[in-house]
Amino acid sequence: MKTENIEGLTLFEINLLIQQGGKFIMFPNLMTKAKSSTIYFVRPDERKFKYIIKHFLKNLSNFWRTFPLRPFYVSKSLFYLAIGGKDYTHNILADLKQINPVYNPNLYCLEYV
């Protein structure tokens, strides 16, 4: 899964923003399954509306082609747009903690700096 809006942030900064109200949110598309969609990091002071309108317009343009084929994906996508997206914060944090372990510096080397 592709995660956007976390460029240049460390794991510590991401944890601080999540404690302040930030979330990892995914909006499923009509043409794809939920696991292959983009996940956005929404900061505490940022509104979700720009992501909702982007995916609403994308889904509206694909609606007429996919409605006879995939009514389940249409209803699922509209449901998640209405509630503000699906929260993936705990899953992404677990993955980030496995990839980026806690930094433990060697204190012996730092004594002489």
Protein backbone atom coordinates (compact mmCIF):
# COMPACT_ATOMS: atom_id res chain seq x y z
CA MET A 1 0.00 0.00 0.00
CA LYS A 2 1.19 3.46 -0.84
CA THR A 3 1.23 5.98 2.01
CA GLU A 4 1.21 9.71 1.28
CA ASN A 5 1.86 12.85 3.35
CA ILE A 6 4.57 11.36 5.60
CA GLU A 7 7.57 12.54 3.59
CA GLY A 8 10.30 13.88 5.86
CA LEU A 9 8.65 12.77 9.12
CA THR A 10 10.37 10.48 11.59
CA LEU A 11 8.56 7.80 13.57
CA PHE A 12 8.73 10.02 16.66
CA GLU A 13 7.09 12.94 14.83
CA ILE A 14 4.39 10.67 13.41
CA ASN A 15 3.63 9.36 16.92
CA LEU A 16 3.37 12.93 18.23
CA LEU A 17 0.99 13.94 15.44
CA ILE A 18 -1.15 10.84 16.06
CA GLN A 19 -1.36 11.68 19.77
CA GLN A 20 -2.57 15.14 18.76
CA GLY A 21 -5.30 13.66 16.52
CA GLY A 22 -3.64 12.67 13.24
CA LYS A 23 -4.83 9.55 11.40
CA PHE A 24 -3.95 7.26 8.53
CA ILE A 25 -7.07 7.11 6.35
CA MET A 26 -7.91 5.10 3.23
CA PHE A 27 -10.68 5.75 0.71
CA PRO A 28 -11.47 2.70 -1.44
CA ASN A 29 -11.83 3.19 -5.18
CA LEU A 30 -14.46 1.59 -7.38
CA MET A 31 -12.02 -0.06 -9.73
CA THR A 32 -9.73 -1.59 -7.10
CA LYS A 33 -10.04 -3.59 -3.94
CA ALA A 34 -9.52 -1.91 -0.59
CA LYS A 35 -5.98 -3.25 -0.08
CA SER A 36 -4.54 -1.60 -3.17
CA SER A 37 -5.77 1.95 -2.50
CA THR A 38 -3.65 4.86 -1.31
CA ILE A 39 -3.49 5.63 2.41
CA TYR A 40 -3.25 9.29 3.42
CA PHE A 41 -1.82 10.69 6.63
CA VAL A 42 -4.21 13.42 7.78
CA ARG A 43 -2.60 15.78 10.26
CA PRO A 44 -4.54 17.06 13.29
CA ASP A 45 -5.13 20.54 11.84
CA GLU A 46 -5.95 19.29 8.32
CA ARG A 47 -9.44 18.58 6.97
CA LYS A 48 -10.38 15.37 5.19
CA PHE A 49 -12.64 17.19 2.72
CA LYS A 50 -9.99 17.58 0.00
CA TYR A 51 -9.37 13.83 -0.02
CA ILE A 52 -13.09 13.03 0.07
CA ILE A 53 -13.90 15.31 -2.86
CA LYS A 54 -10.96 13.94 -4.88
CA HIS A 55 -12.15 10.35 -4.46
CA PHE A 56 -15.80 11.29 -4.91
CA LEU A 57 -15.06 12.86 -8.31
CA LYS A 58 -12.89 9.90 -9.32
CA ASN A 59 -15.60 7.45 -8.30
CA LEU A 60 -18.31 9.53 -9.99
CA SER A 61 -16.42 9.40 -13.29
CA ASN A 62 -16.07 5.61 -13.00
CA PHE A 63 -19.58 5.02 -11.62
CA TRP A 64 -21.39 4.48 -14.93
CA ARG A 65 -18.88 1.94 -16.18
CA THR A 66 -18.69 -0.10 -12.99
CA PHE A 67 -22.23 -0.01 -11.62
CA PRO A 68 -23.58 -3.02 -13.55
CA LEU A 69 -20.45 -5.02 -12.77
CA ARG A 70 -19.63 -4.17 -9.16
CA PRO A 71 -22.51 -2.86 -7.04
CA PHE A 72 -20.75 -4.02 -3.89
CA TYR A 73 -17.70 -1.82 -4.56
CA VAL A 74 -19.93 1.16 -5.39
CA SER A 75 -21.84 0.93 -2.11
CA LYS A 76 -18.65 0.28 -0.12
CA SER A 77 -16.89 3.26 -1.67
CA LEU A 78 -19.82 5.62 -1.06
CA PHE A 79 -20.14 4.39 2.52
CA TYR A 80 -16.48 5.12 3.31
CA LEU A 81 -16.72 8.52 1.63
CA ALA A 82 -19.75 9.35 3.78
CA ILE A 83 -18.09 8.39 7.08
CA GLY A 84 -14.76 10.05 6.22
CA GLY A 85 -12.63 7.08 5.20
CA LYS A 86 -11.41 3.89 6.82
CA ASP A 87 -8.97 4.32 9.71
CA TYR A 88 -5.70 2.38 9.27
CA THR A 89 -3.69 4.13 12.00
CA HIS A 90 -2.93 1.08 14.17
CA ASN A 91 -1.96 -1.11 11.19
CA ILE A 92 0.43 1.48 9.74
CA LEU A 93 2.02 2.22 13.12
CA ALA A 94 2.66 -1.48 13.68
CA ASP A 95 4.34 -1.71 10.26
CA LEU A 96 6.41 1.43 10.86
CA LYS A 97 7.64 0.17 14.23
CA GLN A 98 8.81 -3.09 12.64
CA ILE A 99 10.62 -1.26 9.84
CA ASN A 100 12.06 1.56 11.96
CA PRO A 101 13.16 0.23 15.37
CA VAL A 102 13.91 2.50 18.32
CA TYR A 103 17.31 4.19 18.09
CA ASN A 104 19.66 3.22 20.93
CA PRO A 105 22.93 5.13 20.59
CA ASN A 106 26.22 3.77 21.84
CA LEU A 107 26.90 5.98 24.88
CA TYR A 108 30.56 4.95 25.05
CA CYS A 109 31.25 6.62 21.68
CA LEU A 110 29.36 9.76 22.69
CA GLU A 111 31.48 10.41 25.81
CA TYR A 112 34.39 11.83 23.84
CA VAL A 113 32.49 14.08 21.45
